[in-house]
Amino acid sequence: MIGLDTNILVRHIVRDDPIQTDVATQLIDTSCTVEEPGFVSLVVLVELVWVLGNGYKHPKPLITSVLSKGMW
């Protein structure tokens, strides 16, 4: 099982830097499967919510939607 950090998840979700997005998406696509899912710690989850809300100014309903749909 691979641990996913906040930066990888932010790049994969926000897609604001093409090079970093490609690297993050490739890592997730090649290392995370149903049988071997990626691990997201509680600290990473909290940081992700903070970055999306305070850094990128995304509204809470959008953040909730992204997290509940597992769009990462």
C-alpha atoms as a PDB file:
ATOM      1  CA  MET A   1       0.000   0.000   0.000  1.00  0.00           C
ATOM      2  CA  ILE A   2       1.312   3.406  -0.985  1.00  0.00           C
ATOM      3  CA  GLY A   3       0.777   6.484   1.168  1.00  0.00           C
ATOM      4  CA  LEU A   4      -0.534   9.521  -0.681  1.00  0.00           C
ATOM      5  CA  ASP A   5       0.462  12.938   0.601  1.00  0.00           C
ATOM      6  CA  THR A   6      -1.410  16.221   0.404  1.00  0.00           C
ATOM      7  CA  ASN A   7       0.581  17.569  -2.534  1.00  0.00           C
ATOM      8  CA  ILE A   8      -0.147  14.527  -4.699  1.00  0.00           C
ATOM      9  CA  LEU A   9      -3.871  14.765  -3.977  1.00  0.00           C
ATOM     10  CA  VAL A  10      -4.029  18.544  -4.501  1.00  0.00           C
ATOM     11  CA  ARG A  11      -2.254  18.298  -7.858  1.00  0.00           C
ATOM     12  CA  HIS A  12      -4.500  15.435  -8.967  1.00  0.00           C
ATOM     13  CA  ILE A  13      -7.706  17.220  -7.925  1.00  0.00           C
ATOM     14  CA  VAL A  14      -6.955  20.862  -8.800  1.00  0.00           C
ATOM     15  CA  ARG A  15      -4.937  20.240 -11.994  1.00  0.00           C
ATOM     16  CA  ASP A  16      -3.414  23.711 -11.987  1.00  0.00           C
ATOM     17  CA  ASP A  17       0.088  22.677 -13.073  1.00  0.00           C
ATOM     18  CA  PRO A  18       0.194  20.351 -16.098  1.00  0.00           C
ATOM     19  CA  ILE A  19       3.547  18.742 -15.278  1.00  0.00           C
ATOM     20  CA  GLN A  20       2.781  18.136 -11.594  1.00  0.00           C
ATOM     21  CA  THR A  21      -0.734  16.973 -12.482  1.00  0.00           C
ATOM     22  CA  ASP A  22       0.661  14.398 -14.896  1.00  0.00           C
ATOM     23  CA  VAL A  23       3.134  13.103 -12.315  1.00  0.00           C
ATOM     24  CA  ALA A  24       0.488  12.875  -9.572  1.00  0.00           C
ATOM     25  CA  THR A  25      -2.081  11.234 -11.834  1.00  0.00           C
ATOM     26  CA  GLN A  26       0.453   8.744 -13.170  1.00  0.00           C
ATOM     27  CA  LEU A  27       1.462   7.824  -9.610  1.00  0.00           C
ATOM     28  CA  ILE A  28      -2.150   7.290  -8.570  1.00  0.00           C
ATOM     29  CA  ASP A  29      -3.061   5.411 -11.757  1.00  0.00           C
ATOM     30  CA  THR A  30      -0.073   3.053 -11.572  1.00  0.00           C
ATOM     31  CA  SER A  31       0.201   2.532  -7.820  1.00  0.00           C
ATOM     32  CA  CYS A  32      -3.397   2.484  -6.583  1.00  0.00           C
ATOM     33  CA  THR A  33      -5.796  -0.328  -7.411  1.00  0.00           C
ATOM     34  CA  VAL A  34      -8.885  -1.834  -5.849  1.00  0.00           C
ATOM     35  CA  GLU A  35      -6.710  -4.617  -4.466  1.00  0.00           C
ATOM     36  CA  GLU A  36      -3.960  -2.241  -3.293  1.00  0.00           C
ATOM     37  CA  PRO A  37      -5.572   1.156  -2.624  1.00  0.00           C
ATOM     38  CA  GLY A  38      -3.598   4.230  -1.682  1.00  0.00           C
ATOM     39  CA  PHE A  39      -3.560   5.229   1.963  1.00  0.00           C
ATOM     40  CA  VAL A  40      -4.631   8.743   2.973  1.00  0.00           C
ATOM     41  CA  SER A  41      -3.955   9.553   6.602  1.00  0.00           C
ATOM     42  CA  LEU A  42      -6.272  11.715   8.667  1.00  0.00           C
ATOM     43  CA  VAL A  43      -3.634  14.475   8.731  1.00  0.00           C
ATOM     44  CA  VAL A  44      -3.438  14.453   4.917  1.00  0.00           C
ATOM     45  CA  LEU A  45      -7.228  14.585   4.660  1.00  0.00           C
ATOM     46  CA  VAL A  46      -7.408  17.574   7.000  1.00  0.00           C
ATOM     47  CA  GLU A  47      -4.605  19.342   5.114  1.00  0.00           C
ATOM     48  CA  LEU A  48      -6.349  18.653   1.810  1.00  0.00           C
ATOM     49  CA  VAL A  49      -9.576  20.243   3.030  1.00  0.00           C
ATOM     50  CA  TRP A  50      -7.637  23.238   4.362  1.00  0.00           C
ATOM     51  CA  VAL A  51      -5.683  23.743   1.128  1.00  0.00           C
ATOM     52  CA  LEU A  52      -8.761  23.452  -1.070  1.00  0.00           C
ATOM     53  CA  GLY A  53     -10.790  25.818   1.130  1.00  0.00           C
ATOM     54  CA  ASN A  54      -8.223  28.383   2.230  1.00  0.00           C
ATOM     55  CA  GLY A  55      -5.598  28.149  -0.487  1.00  0.00           C
ATOM     56  CA  TYR A  56      -7.814  27.699  -3.522  1.00  0.00           C
ATOM     57  CA  LYS A  57     -10.972  29.286  -2.050  1.00  0.00           C
ATOM     58  CA  HIS A  58     -13.192  26.403  -3.132  1.00  0.00           C
ATOM     59  CA  PRO A  59     -16.610  26.460  -1.395  1.00  0.00           C
ATOM     60  CA  LYS A  60     -17.392  23.807   1.203  1.00  0.00           C
ATOM     61  CA  PRO A  61     -20.078  22.072  -0.919  1.00  0.00           C
ATOM     62  CA  LEU A  62     -17.546  21.535  -3.715  1.00  0.00           C
ATOM     63  CA  ILE A  63     -14.927  20.153  -1.309  1.00  0.00           C
ATOM     64  CA  THR A  64     -17.515  17.845   0.219  1.00  0.00           C
ATOM     65  CA  SER A  65     -18.554  16.652  -3.226  1.00  0.00           C
ATOM     66  CA  VAL A  66     -14.972  15.918  -4.260  1.00  0.00           C
ATOM     67  CA  LEU A  67     -14.271  13.983  -1.082  1.00  0.00           C
ATOM     68  CA  SER A  68     -17.522  12.031  -1.078  1.00  0.00           C
ATOM     69  CA  LYS A  69     -17.146  10.961  -4.713  1.00  0.00           C
ATOM     70  CA  GLY A  70     -13.526   9.957  -4.255  1.00  0.00           C
ATOM     71  CA  MET A  71     -12.471  11.984  -7.284  1.00  0.00           C
ATOM     72  CA  TRP A  72      -8.773  11.339  -6.687  1.00  0.00           C
END
